[in-house]
Amino acid sequence: MAETVLLLLLLLLLLLLLLLLLLLLLLLLLLLLLLNYYYYYYYYYYYYYYYYYYYYYYYYYYNYNYYYYYRCCCYCSSSSNYYHCYCYCCCC
């Protein structure tokens, strides 16, 4: 009888450990999803700010052909009413 109770307690402990492991895995998955969301939010914000800066540049600094933006270099040119910037990664 004592062995049966001990075995049941051991099985219950093992089940609790498995549930705890599952909970930790779910929390890790949730954390990864949140970090991924934050990364894409930051990425979206970065490009939103970049386009805002681009238009700011277009309206106020259109006499210059070259400018730097964070880790990107942009070469801008205008012909007639068309304005274009070519941007690439240039430094770290």
PDB file of N, CA and C in Angstrom:
ATOM      1  N   MET A   1       0.825  -1.200   0.000  1.00  0.00           N
ATOM      2  CA  MET A   1       0.000   0.000   0.000  1.00  0.00           C
ATOM      3  C   MET A   1       0.864   1.257   0.000  1.00  0.00           C
ATOM      4  N   ALA A   2       1.924   1.249   0.847  1.00  0.00           N
ATOM      5  CA  ALA A   2       2.817   2.415   0.929  1.00  0.00           C
ATOM      6  C   ALA A   2       3.556   2.620  -0.382  1.00  0.00           C
ATOM      7  N   GLU A   3       3.943   1.490  -1.029  1.00  0.00           N
ATOM      8  CA  GLU A   3       4.634   1.616  -2.305  1.00  0.00           C
ATOM      9  C   GLU A   3       3.727   2.229  -3.371  1.00  0.00           C
ATOM     10  N   THR A   4       2.432   1.865  -3.342  1.00  0.00           N
ATOM     11  CA  THR A   4       1.478   2.406  -4.312  1.00  0.00           C
ATOM     12  C   THR A   4       1.296   3.914  -4.127  1.00  0.00           C
ATOM     13  N   VAL A   5       1.195   4.349  -2.878  1.00  0.00           N
ATOM     14  CA  VAL A   5       1.053   5.778  -2.593  1.00  0.00           C
ATOM     15  C   VAL A   5       2.305   6.521  -3.027  1.00  0.00           C
ATOM     16  N   LEU A   6       3.469   5.938  -2.749  1.00  0.00           N
ATOM     17  CA  LEU A   6       4.729   6.562  -3.142  1.00  0.00           C
ATOM     18  C   LEU A   6       4.848   6.658  -4.661  1.00  0.00           C
ATOM     19  N   LEU A   7       4.437   5.601  -5.348  1.00  0.00           N
ATOM     20  CA  LEU A   7       4.466   5.598  -6.807  1.00  0.00           C
ATOM     21  C   LEU A   7       3.509   6.644  -7.376  1.00  0.00           C
ATOM     22  N   LEU A   8       2.317   6.747  -6.779  1.00  0.00           N
ATOM     23  CA  LEU A   8       1.363   7.761  -7.234  1.00  0.00           C
ATOM     24  C   LEU A   8       1.891   9.176  -7.003  1.00  0.00           C
ATOM     25  N   LEU A   9       2.530   9.396  -5.865  1.00  0.00           N
ATOM     26  CA  LEU A   9       3.116  10.709  -5.591  1.00  0.00           C
ATOM     27  C   LEU A   9       4.252  11.022  -6.573  1.00  0.00           C
ATOM     28  N   LEU A  10       5.037  10.016  -6.891  1.00  0.00           N
ATOM     29  CA  LEU A  10       6.115  10.201  -7.851  1.00  0.00           C
ATOM     30  C   LEU A  10       5.569  10.526  -9.240  1.00  0.00           C
ATOM     31  N   LEU A  11       4.522   9.827  -9.639  1.00  0.00           N
ATOM     32  CA  LEU A  11       3.897  10.112 -10.931  1.00  0.00           C
ATOM     33  C   LEU A  11       3.273  11.514 -10.948  1.00  0.00           C
ATOM     34  N   LEU A  12       2.674  11.907  -9.843  1.00  0.00           N
ATOM     35  CA  LEU A  12       2.095  13.248  -9.745  1.00  0.00           C
ATOM     36  C   LEU A  12       3.178  14.321  -9.833  1.00  0.00           C
ATOM     37  N   LEU A  13       4.303  14.080  -9.172  1.00  0.00           N
ATOM     38  CA  LEU A  13       5.425  15.008  -9.242  1.00  0.00           C
ATOM     39  C   LEU A  13       5.972  15.106 -10.658  1.00  0.00           C
ATOM     40  N   LEU A  14       6.072  13.967 -11.326  1.00  0.00           N
ATOM     41  CA  LEU A  14       6.538  13.961 -12.710  1.00  0.00           C
ATOM     42  C   LEU A  14       5.572  14.716 -13.614  1.00  0.00           C
ATOM     43  N   LEU A  15       4.288  14.548 -13.409  1.00  0.00           N
ATOM     44  CA  LEU A  15       3.286  15.260 -14.183  1.00  0.00           C
ATOM     45  C   LEU A  15       3.368  16.770 -13.938  1.00  0.00           C
ATOM     46  N   LEU A  16       3.577  17.161 -12.692  1.00  0.00           N
ATOM     47  CA  LEU A  16       3.725  18.585 -12.374  1.00  0.00           C
ATOM     48  C   LEU A  16       4.975  19.170 -13.022  1.00  0.00           C
ATOM     49  N   LEU A  17       6.055  18.411 -13.039  1.00  0.00           N
ATOM     50  CA  LEU A  17       7.271  18.883 -13.698  1.00  0.00           C
ATOM     51  C   LEU A  17       7.070  19.039 -15.205  1.00  0.00           C
ATOM     52  N   LEU A  18       6.363  18.103 -15.817  1.00  0.00           N
ATOM     53  CA  LEU A  18       6.075  18.216 -17.243  1.00  0.00           C
ATOM     54  C   LEU A  18       5.187  19.424 -17.542  1.00  0.00           C
ATOM     55  N   LEU A  19       4.203  19.674 -16.688  1.00  0.00           N
ATOM     56  CA  LEU A  19       3.354  20.848 -16.874  1.00  0.00           C
ATOM     57  C   LEU A  19       4.146  22.149 -16.711  1.00  0.00           C
ATOM     58  N   LEU A  20       5.058  22.157 -15.758  1.00  0.00           N
ATOM     59  CA  LEU A  20       5.909  23.329 -15.573  1.00  0.00           C
ATOM     60  C   LEU A  20       6.805  23.566 -16.783  1.00  0.00           C
ATOM     61  N   LEU A  21       7.349  22.491 -17.328  1.00  0.00           N
ATOM     62  CA  LEU A  21       8.168  22.610 -18.535  1.00  0.00           C
ATOM     63  C   LEU A  21       7.346  23.134 -19.713  1.00  0.00           C
ATOM     64  N   LEU A  22       6.139  22.639 -19.867  1.00  0.00           N
ATOM     65  CA  LEU A  22       5.251  23.118 -20.929  1.00  0.00           C
ATOM     66  C   LEU A  22       4.927  24.595 -20.749  1.00  0.00           C
ATOM     67  N   LEU A  23       4.682  25.000 -19.519  1.00  0.00           N
ATOM     68  CA  LEU A  23       4.404  26.407 -19.241  1.00  0.00           C
ATOM     69  C   LEU A  23       5.602  27.283 -19.578  1.00  0.00           C
ATOM     70  N   LEU A  24       6.800  26.831 -19.237  1.00  0.00           N
ATOM     71  CA  LEU A  24       8.001  27.589 -19.578  1.00  0.00           C
ATOM     72  C   LEU A  24       8.196  27.693 -21.084  1.00  0.00           C
ATOM     73  N   LEU A  25       7.902  26.625 -21.795  1.00  0.00           N
ATOM     74  CA  LEU A  25       8.005  26.675 -23.260  1.00  0.00           C
ATOM     75  C   LEU A  25       6.991  27.640 -23.862  1.00  0.00           C
ATOM     76  N   LEU A  26       5.791  27.644 -23.322  1.00  0.00           N
ATOM     77  CA  LEU A  26       4.780  28.597 -23.802  1.00  0.00           C
ATOM     78  C   LEU A  26       5.181  30.039 -23.512  1.00  0.00           C
ATOM     79  N   LEU A  27       5.747  30.276 -22.350  1.00  0.00           N
ATOM     80  CA  LEU A  27       6.224  31.624 -22.024  1.00  0.00           C
ATOM     81  C   LEU A  27       7.364  32.049 -22.941  1.00  0.00           C
ATOM     82  N   LEU A  28       8.240  31.126 -23.259  1.00  0.00           N
ATOM     83  CA  LEU A  28       9.327  31.424 -24.190  1.00  0.00           C
ATOM     84  C   LEU A  28       8.786  31.753 -25.575  1.00  0.00           C
ATOM     85  N   LEU A  29       7.808  31.000 -26.016  1.00  0.00           N
ATOM     86  CA  LEU A  29       7.181  31.275 -27.307  1.00  0.00           C
ATOM     87  C   LEU A  29       6.515  32.645 -27.317  1.00  0.00           C
ATOM     88  N   LEU A  30       5.831  32.963 -26.255  1.00  0.00           N
ATOM     89  CA  LEU A  30       5.199  34.278 -26.141  1.00  0.00           C
ATOM     90  C   LEU A  30       6.235  35.393 -26.164  1.00  0.00           C
ATOM     91  N   LEU A  31       7.333  35.189 -25.471  1.00  0.00           N
ATOM     92  CA  LEU A  31       8.408  36.180 -25.470  1.00  0.00           C
ATOM     93  C   LEU A  31       8.991  36.374 -26.859  1.00  0.00           C
ATOM     94  N   LEU A  32       9.199  35.283 -27.579  1.00  0.00           N
ATOM     95  CA  LEU A  32       9.709  35.383 -28.949  1.00  0.00           C
ATOM     96  C   LEU A  32       8.731  36.117 -29.859  1.00  0.00           C
ATOM     97  N   LEU A  33       7.445  35.847 -29.694  1.00  0.00           N
ATOM     98  CA  LEU A  33       6.452  36.559 -30.494  1.00  0.00           C
ATOM     99  C   LEU A  33       6.437  38.043 -30.183  1.00  0.00           C
ATOM    100  N   LEU A  34       6.562  38.383 -28.919  1.00  0.00           N
ATOM    101  CA  LEU A  34       6.599  39.800 -28.543  1.00  0.00           C
ATOM    102  C   LEU A  34       7.843  40.489 -29.084  1.00  0.00           C
ATOM    103  N   LEU A  35       8.983  39.807 -29.012  1.00  0.00           N
ATOM    104  CA  LEU A  35      10.201  40.397 -29.564  1.00  0.00           C
ATOM    105  C   LEU A  35      10.106  40.572 -31.070  1.00  0.00           C
ATOM    106  N   ASN A  36       9.497  39.611 -31.726  1.00  0.00           N
ATOM    107  CA  ASN A  36       9.307  39.718 -33.169  1.00  0.00           C
ATOM    108  C   ASN A  36       8.393  40.889 -33.504  1.00  0.00           C
ATOM    109  N   TYR A  37       7.320  41.037 -32.727  1.00  0.00           N
ATOM    110  CA  TYR A  37       6.421  42.171 -32.935  1.00  0.00           C
ATOM    111  C   TYR A  37       7.162  43.481 -32.706  1.00  0.00           C
ATOM    112  N   TYR A  38       7.978  43.545 -31.653  1.00  0.00           N
ATOM    113  CA  TYR A  38       8.721  44.767 -31.380  1.00  0.00           C
ATOM    114  C   TYR A  38       9.695  45.073 -32.505  1.00  0.00           C
ATOM    115  N   TYR A  39      10.335  44.024 -33.040  1.00  0.00           N
ATOM    116  CA  TYR A  39      11.275  44.222 -34.137  1.00  0.00           C
ATOM    117  C   TYR A  39      10.565  44.800 -35.361  1.00  0.00           C
ATOM    118  N   TYR A  40       9.409  44.241 -35.714  1.00  0.00           N
ATOM    119  CA  TYR A  40       8.699  44.750 -36.879  1.00  0.00           C
ATOM    120  C   TYR A  40       8.121  46.133 -36.631  1.00  0.00           C
ATOM    121  N   TYR A  41       7.727  46.403 -35.403  1.00  0.00           N
ATOM    122  CA  TYR A  41       7.250  47.746 -35.079  1.00  0.00           C
ATOM    123  C   TYR A  41       8.391  48.748 -35.233  1.00  0.00           C
ATOM    124  N   TYR A  42       9.575  48.373 -34.725  1.00  0.00           N
ATOM    125  CA  TYR A  42      10.731  49.256 -34.863  1.00  0.00           C
ATOM    126  C   TYR A  42      11.104  49.437 -36.327  1.00  0.00           C
ATOM    127  N   TYR A  43      11.050  48.361 -37.094  1.00  0.00           N
ATOM    128  CA  TYR A  43      11.361  48.409 -38.521  1.00  0.00           C
ATOM    129  C   TYR A  43      10.395  49.346 -39.242  1.00  0.00           C
ATOM    130  N   TYR A  44       9.115  49.220 -38.932  1.00  0.00           N
ATOM    131  CA  TYR A  44       8.112  50.085 -39.539  1.00  0.00           C
ATOM    132  C   TYR A  44       8.341  51.535 -39.133  1.00  0.00           C
ATOM    133  N   TYR A  45       8.629  51.743 -37.850  1.00  0.00           N
ATOM    134  CA  TYR A  45       8.872  53.104 -37.371  1.00  0.00           C
ATOM    135  C   TYR A  45      10.110  53.694 -38.042  1.00  0.00           C
ATOM    136  N   TYR A  46      11.148  52.899 -38.209  1.00  0.00           N
ATOM    137  CA  TYR A  46      12.381  53.360 -38.843  1.00  0.00           C
ATOM    138  C   TYR A  46      12.095  53.837 -40.264  1.00  0.00           C
ATOM    139  N   TYR A  47      11.335  53.061 -41.018  1.00  0.00           N
ATOM    140  CA  TYR A  47      11.070  53.461 -42.393  1.00  0.00           C
ATOM    141  C   TYR A  47      10.064  54.599 -42.478  1.00  0.00           C
ATOM    142  N   TYR A  48       9.145  54.658 -41.551  1.00  0.00           N
ATOM    143  CA  TYR A  48       8.238  55.806 -41.500  1.00  0.00           C
ATOM    144  C   TYR A  48       9.043  57.082 -41.249  1.00  0.00           C
ATOM    145  N   TYR A  49       9.963  57.007 -40.296  1.00  0.00           N
ATOM    146  CA  TYR A  49      10.792  58.163 -39.992  1.00  0.00           C
ATOM    147  C   TYR A  49      11.705  58.492 -41.173  1.00  0.00           C
ATOM    148  N   TYR A  50      12.182  57.439 -41.836  1.00  0.00           N
ATOM    149  CA  TYR A  50      13.030  57.651 -43.009  1.00  0.00           C
ATOM    150  C   TYR A  50      12.279  58.416 -44.092  1.00  0.00           C
ATOM    151  N   TYR A  51      11.053  58.042 -44.379  1.00  0.00           N
ATOM    152  CA  TYR A  51      10.304  58.756 -45.416  1.00  0.00           C
ATOM    153  C   TYR A  51       9.955  60.176 -44.988  1.00  0.00           C
ATOM    154  N   TYR A  52       9.700  60.335 -43.712  1.00  0.00           N
ATOM    155  CA  TYR A  52       9.475  61.690 -43.220  1.00  0.00           C
ATOM    156  C   TYR A  52      10.730  62.534 -43.442  1.00  0.00           C
ATOM    157  N   TYR A  53      11.876  61.948 -43.120  1.00  0.00           N
ATOM    158  CA  TYR A  53      13.129  62.662 -43.308  1.00  0.00           C
ATOM    159  C   TYR A  53      13.379  62.921 -44.791  1.00  0.00           C
ATOM    160  N   TYR A  54      13.038  61.967 -45.616  1.00  0.00           N
ATOM    161  CA  TYR A  54      13.216  62.123 -47.060  1.00  0.00           C
ATOM    162  C   TYR A  54      12.409  63.309 -47.581  1.00  0.00           C
ATOM    163  N   TYR A  55      11.162  63.414 -47.159  1.00  0.00           N
ATOM    164  CA  TYR A  55      10.360  64.538 -47.614  1.00  0.00           C
ATOM    165  C   TYR A  55      10.859  65.853 -47.020  1.00  0.00           C
ATOM    166  N   TYR A  56      11.319  65.804 -45.808  1.00  0.00           N
ATOM    167  CA  TYR A  56      11.911  66.990 -45.209  1.00  0.00           C
ATOM    168  C   TYR A  56      13.127  67.424 -46.035  1.00  0.00           C
ATOM    169  N   TYR A  57      13.932  66.450 -46.397  1.00  0.00           N
ATOM    170  CA  TYR A  57      15.100  66.725 -47.228  1.00  0.00           C
ATOM    171  C   TYR A  57      14.671  67.288 -48.585  1.00  0.00           C
ATOM    172  N   TYR A  58      13.644  66.691 -49.128  1.00  0.00           N
ATOM    173  CA  TYR A  58      13.168  67.127 -50.433  1.00  0.00           C
ATOM    174  C   TYR A  58      12.728  68.593 -50.404  1.00  0.00           C
ATOM    175  N   TYR A  59      12.052  69.006 -49.369  1.00  0.00           N
ATOM    176  CA  TYR A  59      11.532  70.366 -49.326  1.00  0.00           C
ATOM    177  C   TYR A  59      12.566  71.406 -48.903  1.00  0.00           C
ATOM    178  N   TYR A  60      13.506  71.017 -48.081  1.00  0.00           N
ATOM    179  CA  TYR A  60      14.409  72.026 -47.518  1.00  0.00           C
ATOM    180  C   TYR A  60      15.852  71.936 -47.992  1.00  0.00           C
ATOM    181  N   TYR A  61      16.258  70.784 -48.455  1.00  0.00           N
ATOM    182  CA  TYR A  61      17.657  70.635 -48.838  1.00  0.00           C
ATOM    183  C   TYR A  61      17.790  70.099 -50.263  1.00  0.00           C
ATOM    184  N   TYR A  62      16.990  70.533 -51.141  1.00  0.00           N
ATOM    185  CA  TYR A  62      17.006  69.958 -52.483  1.00  0.00           C
ATOM    186  C   TYR A  62      18.204  70.436 -53.300  1.00  0.00           C
ATOM    187  N   ASN A  63      18.959  71.399 -52.807  1.00  0.00           N
ATOM    188  CA  ASN A  63      20.132  71.859 -53.538  1.00  0.00           C
ATOM    189  C   ASN A  63      21.336  70.921 -53.384  1.00  0.00           C
ATOM    190  N   TYR A  64      21.283  70.062 -52.375  1.00  0.00           N
ATOM    191  CA  TYR A  64      22.394  69.134 -52.159  1.00  0.00           C
ATOM    192  C   TYR A  64      22.094  67.807 -52.841  1.00  0.00           C
ATOM    193  N   ASN A  65      23.159  67.123 -53.217  1.00  0.00           N
ATOM    194  CA  ASN A  65      22.974  65.847 -53.908  1.00  0.00           C
ATOM    195  C   ASN A  65      23.259  64.635 -53.036  1.00  0.00           C
ATOM    196  N   TYR A  66      23.886  64.848 -51.926  1.00  0.00           N
ATOM    197  CA  TYR A  66      24.331  63.687 -51.160  1.00  0.00           C
ATOM    198  C   TYR A  66      24.074  63.910 -49.678  1.00  0.00           C
ATOM    199  N   TYR A  67      23.567  62.925 -49.007  1.00  0.00           N
ATOM    200  CA  TYR A  67      23.372  63.042 -47.558  1.00  0.00           C
ATOM    201  C   TYR A  67      23.419  61.672 -46.908  1.00  0.00           C
ATOM    202  N   TYR A  68      23.631  61.666 -45.599  1.00  0.00           N
ATOM    203  CA  TYR A  68      23.724  60.436 -44.822  1.00  0.00           C
ATOM    204  C   TYR A  68      22.530  60.318 -43.908  1.00  0.00           C
ATOM    205  N   TYR A  69      22.043  59.112 -43.758  1.00  0.00           N
ATOM    206  CA  TYR A  69      20.922  58.884 -42.840  1.00  0.00           C
ATOM    207  C   TYR A  69      21.180  57.603 -42.068  1.00  0.00           C
ATOM    208  N   TYR A  70      21.448  57.723 -40.793  1.00  0.00           N
ATOM    209  CA  TYR A  70      21.785  56.575 -39.956  1.00  0.00           C
ATOM    210  C   TYR A  70      22.852  55.728 -40.625  1.00  0.00           C
ATOM    211  N   ARG A  71      22.539  54.487 -40.948  1.00  0.00           N
ATOM    212  CA  ARG A  71      23.535  53.626 -41.562  1.00  0.00           C
ATOM    213  C   ARG A  71      23.382  53.575 -43.083  1.00  0.00           C
ATOM    214  N   CYS A  72      22.609  54.494 -43.627  1.00  0.00           N
ATOM    215  CA  CYS A  72      22.388  54.486 -45.067  1.00  0.00           C
ATOM    216  C   CYS A  72      22.963  55.744 -45.703  1.00  0.00           C
ATOM    217  N   CYS A  73      23.479  55.582 -46.897  1.00  0.00           N
ATOM    218  CA  CYS A  73      23.898  56.726 -47.694  1.00  0.00           C
ATOM    219  C   CYS A  73      22.899  56.881 -48.827  1.00  0.00           C
ATOM    220  N   CYS A  74      22.520  58.093 -49.093  1.00  0.00           N
ATOM    221  CA  CYS A  74      21.554  58.345 -50.153  1.00  0.00           C
ATOM    222  C   CYS A  74      22.121  59.364 -51.131  1.00  0.00           C
ATOM    223  N   TYR A  75      22.070  59.022 -52.385  1.00  0.00           N
ATOM    224  CA  TYR A  75      22.461  59.947 -53.428  1.00  0.00           C
ATOM    225  C   TYR A  75      21.187  60.423 -54.114  1.00  0.00           C
ATOM    226  N   CYS A  76      20.953  61.727 -54.088  1.00  0.00           N
ATOM    227  CA  CYS A  76      19.706  62.267 -54.612  1.00  0.00           C
ATOM    228  C   CYS A  76      19.971  63.146 -55.818  1.00  0.00           C
ATOM    229  N   SER A  77      19.090  63.057 -56.767  1.00  0.00           N
ATOM    230  CA  SER A  77      19.199  63.906 -57.948  1.00  0.00           C
ATOM    231  C   SER A  77      17.805  64.298 -58.408  1.00  0.00           C
ATOM    232  N   SER A  78      17.752  65.389 -59.110  1.00  0.00           N
ATOM    233  CA  SER A  78      16.465  65.849 -59.619  1.00  0.00           C
ATOM    234  C   SER A  78      16.629  66.260 -61.076  1.00  0.00           C
ATOM    235  N   SER A  79      15.613  65.952 -61.845  1.00  0.00           N
ATOM    236  CA  SER A  79      15.583  66.382 -63.241  1.00  0.00           C
ATOM    237  C   SER A  79      14.160  66.801 -63.569  1.00  0.00           C
ATOM    238  N   SER A  80      14.017  67.963 -64.105  1.00  0.00           N
ATOM    239  CA  SER A  80      12.717  68.611 -64.330  1.00  0.00           C
ATOM    240  C   SER A  80      11.901  68.568 -63.035  1.00  0.00           C
ATOM    241  N   ASN A  81      10.749  67.888 -63.030  1.00  0.00           N
ATOM    242  CA  ASN A  81       9.925  67.819 -61.822  1.00  0.00           C
ATOM    243  C   ASN A  81      10.049  66.480 -61.108  1.00  0.00           C
ATOM    244  N   TYR A  82      11.021  65.693 -61.486  1.00  0.00           N
ATOM    245  CA  TYR A  82      11.178  64.362 -60.907  1.00  0.00           C
ATOM    246  C   TYR A  82      12.353  64.367 -59.934  1.00  0.00           C
ATOM    247  N   TYR A  83      12.108  63.853 -58.748  1.00  0.00           N
ATOM    248  CA  TYR A  83      13.144  63.811 -57.715  1.00  0.00           C
ATOM    249  C   TYR A  83      13.328  62.378 -57.246  1.00  0.00           C
ATOM    250  N   HIS A  84      14.573  61.944 -57.209  1.00  0.00           N
ATOM    251  CA  HIS A  84      14.827  60.542 -56.900  1.00  0.00           C
ATOM    252  C   HIS A  84      16.036  60.425 -55.991  1.00  0.00           C
ATOM    253  N   CYS A  85      15.940  59.517 -55.010  1.00  0.00           N
ATOM    254  CA  CYS A  85      17.069  59.207 -54.137  1.00  0.00           C
ATOM    255  C   CYS A  85      17.411  57.727 -54.247  1.00  0.00           C
ATOM    256  N   TYR A  86      18.675  57.453 -54.416  1.00  0.00           N
ATOM    257  CA  TYR A  86      19.153  56.078 -54.409  1.00  0.00           C
ATOM    258  C   TYR A  86      19.893  55.860 -53.096  1.00  0.00           C
ATOM    259  N   CYS A  87      19.408  54.929 -52.270  1.00  0.00           N
ATOM    260  CA  CYS A  87      19.980  54.716 -50.931  1.00  0.00           C
ATOM    261  C   CYS A  87      20.568  53.316 -50.820  1.00  0.00           C
ATOM    262  N   TYR A  88      21.647  53.215 -50.093  1.00  0.00           N
ATOM    263  CA  TYR A  88      22.287  51.925 -49.866  1.00  0.00           C
ATOM    264  C   TYR A  88      22.990  51.956 -48.514  1.00  0.00           C
ATOM    265  N   CYS A  89      23.290  50.791 -48.013  1.00  0.00           N
ATOM    266  CA  CYS A  89      23.983  50.704 -46.733  1.00  0.00           C
ATOM    267  C   CYS A  89      25.458  51.013 -46.953  1.00  0.00           C
ATOM    268  N   CYS A  90      26.001  51.922 -46.151  1.00  0.00           N
ATOM    269  CA  CYS A  90      27.364  52.356 -46.432  1.00  0.00           C
ATOM    270  C   CYS A  90      28.310  52.277 -45.246  1.00  0.00           C
ATOM    271  N   CYS A  91      27.799  52.193 -44.069  1.00  0.00           N
ATOM    272  CA  CYS A  91      28.707  52.207 -42.927  1.00  0.00           C
ATOM    273  C   CYS A  91      28.079  51.510 -41.723  1.00  0.00           C
ATOM    274  N   CYS A  92      28.819  51.335 -40.717  1.00  0.00           N
ATOM    275  CA  CYS A  92      28.303  50.694 -39.495  1.00  0.00           C
ATOM    276  C   CYS A  92      28.731  51.494 -38.272  1.00  0.00           C
TER     277      CYS A  92
END
